[in-house]
Each structure stands twice: as C-alpha cells, then as structure tokens.
Amino acid sequence: IDTAFRGRDRDPLLDGLDEFSTKALSLLTSPRAIDAFQLDKESPQALERFGKHDLGMGCLLACRLIKSGVPFVTLE
C-alpha cells in the first residue's frame, strides 16, 4: 500500500475525489493502516497460530486492522 500510494498526495487526479473517496484514501495511507498491513512484524508464534495460508493471513490482518482502530472488517 505504501508503495502504491507514495507521492499520490501531489497527484492532480486526486483533486477531483469526493469526500468519501478522500476519507478512504487517507485511511489507507495513514501510518496506522500501513503498520497494520505489515504482517512481517508479527512474531513467528502468531504467524503459526493463524496459519500461513490465505485464510489465516486474512484473519491475522483483520485482527491487526481492528487493533489499529478500523471499526468494521469483513473476510471473504
């Protein structure tokens, strides 16, 4: 996420975003969200507990997002 949005704050295309999109973008690019997506910061025990597969990593990410303040998370 950090790489995808780096430098986008100066992108003129973002000037046309509505309020909802602007809030969503700032949520995704906030330091707390960027930190939540860094699953490599978890201990090996936590990674093992959740399982090193898509569902396990998705659940771990959901927990990290909730801990960082995201009020609603869904898994698919």
C-alpha atoms as a PDB file:
ATOM      1  CA  ILE A   1       0.000   0.000   0.000  1.00  0.00           C
ATOM      2  CA  ASP A   2       2.800   2.377   0.883  1.00  0.00           C
ATOM      3  CA  THR A   3       4.436   1.819  -2.496  1.00  0.00           C
ATOM      4  CA  ALA A   4       1.169   2.121  -4.401  1.00  0.00           C
ATOM      5  CA  PHE A   5       0.227   5.466  -2.852  1.00  0.00           C
ATOM      6  CA  ARG A   6       3.661   7.038  -2.414  1.00  0.00           C
ATOM      7  CA  GLY A   7       3.627  10.526  -3.923  1.00  0.00           C
ATOM      8  CA  ARG A   8      -0.104  10.434  -4.648  1.00  0.00           C
ATOM      9  CA  ASP A   9      -0.779  13.334  -2.280  1.00  0.00           C
ATOM     10  CA  ARG A  10       0.603  15.595  -5.017  1.00  0.00           C
ATOM     11  CA  ASP A  11      -1.314  13.896  -7.860  1.00  0.00           C
ATOM     12  CA  PRO A  12      -3.740  16.347  -9.550  1.00  0.00           C
ATOM     13  CA  LEU A  13      -6.077  13.459 -10.383  1.00  0.00           C
ATOM     14  CA  LEU A  14      -6.865  13.161  -6.684  1.00  0.00           C
ATOM     15  CA  ASP A  15      -8.201  16.723  -6.581  1.00  0.00           C
ATOM     16  CA  GLY A  16     -11.491  15.505  -8.054  1.00  0.00           C
ATOM     17  CA  LEU A  17     -12.237  12.884  -5.389  1.00  0.00           C
ATOM     18  CA  ASP A  18     -15.460  13.226  -3.453  1.00  0.00           C
ATOM     19  CA  GLU A  19     -15.398  13.440   0.348  1.00  0.00           C
ATOM     20  CA  PHE A  20     -15.959   9.691   0.816  1.00  0.00           C
ATOM     21  CA  SER A  21     -13.111   8.752  -1.530  1.00  0.00           C
ATOM     22  CA  THR A  22     -10.808  11.291   0.098  1.00  0.00           C
ATOM     23  CA  LYS A  23     -11.519   9.822   3.538  1.00  0.00           C
ATOM     24  CA  ALA A  24     -10.973   6.288   2.232  1.00  0.00           C
ATOM     25  CA  LEU A  25      -7.655   7.248   0.657  1.00  0.00           C
ATOM     26  CA  SER A  26      -6.444   8.980   3.810  1.00  0.00           C
ATOM     27  CA  LEU A  27      -7.461   5.933   5.855  1.00  0.00           C
ATOM     28  CA  LEU A  28      -5.450   3.615   3.586  1.00  0.00           C
ATOM     29  CA  THR A  29      -2.403   5.846   3.597  1.00  0.00           C
ATOM     30  CA  SER A  30      -2.380   6.614   7.328  1.00  0.00           C
ATOM     31  CA  PRO A  31       0.648   5.421   9.295  1.00  0.00           C
ATOM     32  CA  ARG A  32      -1.594   3.228  11.485  1.00  0.00           C
ATOM     33  CA  ALA A  33      -3.067   1.431   8.455  1.00  0.00           C
ATOM     34  CA  ILE A  34       0.301   0.999   6.789  1.00  0.00           C
ATOM     35  CA  ASP A  35       1.621  -0.516  10.019  1.00  0.00           C
ATOM     36  CA  ALA A  36      -1.389  -2.853  10.276  1.00  0.00           C
ATOM     37  CA  PHE A  37      -0.678  -4.284   6.813  1.00  0.00           C
ATOM     38  CA  GLN A  38       2.893  -5.216   7.740  1.00  0.00           C
ATOM     39  CA  LEU A  39       2.299  -8.805   8.776  1.00  0.00           C
ATOM     40  CA  ASP A  40       6.021  -9.472   8.892  1.00  0.00           C
ATOM     41  CA  LYS A  41       6.097  -7.557  12.199  1.00  0.00           C
ATOM     42  CA  GLU A  42       4.186 -10.402  13.876  1.00  0.00           C
ATOM     43  CA  SER A  43       6.007 -12.992  15.910  1.00  0.00           C
ATOM     44  CA  PRO A  44       6.621 -16.421  14.393  1.00  0.00           C
ATOM     45  CA  GLN A  45       4.278 -17.835  17.059  1.00  0.00           C
ATOM     46  CA  ALA A  46       1.405 -15.584  15.924  1.00  0.00           C
ATOM     47  CA  LEU A  47       2.003 -16.476  12.285  1.00  0.00           C
ATOM     48  CA  GLU A  48       1.966 -20.165  13.184  1.00  0.00           C
ATOM     49  CA  ARG A  49      -1.170 -19.787  15.311  1.00  0.00           C
ATOM     50  CA  PHE A  50      -3.144 -18.189  12.469  1.00  0.00           C
ATOM     51  CA  GLY A  51      -1.647 -20.438   9.815  1.00  0.00           C
ATOM     52  CA  LYS A  52       0.488 -19.462   6.863  1.00  0.00           C
ATOM     53  CA  HIS A  53      -2.302 -19.714   4.296  1.00  0.00           C
ATOM     54  CA  ASP A  54      -4.688 -17.167   2.765  1.00  0.00           C
ATOM     55  CA  LEU A  55      -7.446 -17.540   5.356  1.00  0.00           C
ATOM     56  CA  GLY A  56      -5.036 -17.431   8.290  1.00  0.00           C
ATOM     57  CA  MET A  57      -3.214 -14.384   6.966  1.00  0.00           C
ATOM     58  CA  GLY A  58      -6.567 -12.702   6.252  1.00  0.00           C
ATOM     59  CA  CYS A  59      -7.702 -13.314   9.831  1.00  0.00           C
ATOM     60  CA  LEU A  60      -4.407 -12.015  11.192  1.00  0.00           C
ATOM     61  CA  LEU A  61      -4.721  -8.899   9.038  1.00  0.00           C
ATOM     62  CA  ALA A  62      -8.310  -8.401  10.231  1.00  0.00           C
ATOM     63  CA  CYS A  63      -7.129  -8.558  13.856  1.00  0.00           C
ATOM     64  CA  ARG A  64      -4.349  -6.068  13.174  1.00  0.00           C
ATOM     65  CA  LEU A  65      -6.769  -3.691  11.426  1.00  0.00           C
ATOM     66  CA  ILE A  66      -9.214  -3.855  14.338  1.00  0.00           C
ATOM     67  CA  LYS A  67      -6.404  -3.220  16.823  1.00  0.00           C
ATOM     68  CA  SER A  68      -5.369  -0.175  14.775  1.00  0.00           C
ATOM     69  CA  GLY A  69      -8.868   1.314  15.049  1.00  0.00           C
ATOM     70  CA  VAL A  70     -10.758   0.087  11.985  1.00  0.00           C
ATOM     71  CA  PRO A  71     -14.355  -0.282  13.232  1.00  0.00           C
ATOM     72  CA  PHE A  72     -15.613  -2.845  10.683  1.00  0.00           C
ATOM     73  CA  VAL A  73     -13.724  -5.608   8.866  1.00  0.00           C
ATOM     74  CA  THR A  74     -15.020  -8.388   6.621  1.00  0.00           C
ATOM     75  CA  LEU A  75     -13.287 -11.515   5.360  1.00  0.00           C
ATOM     76  CA  GLU A  76     -14.057 -13.273   2.106  1.00  0.00           C
END
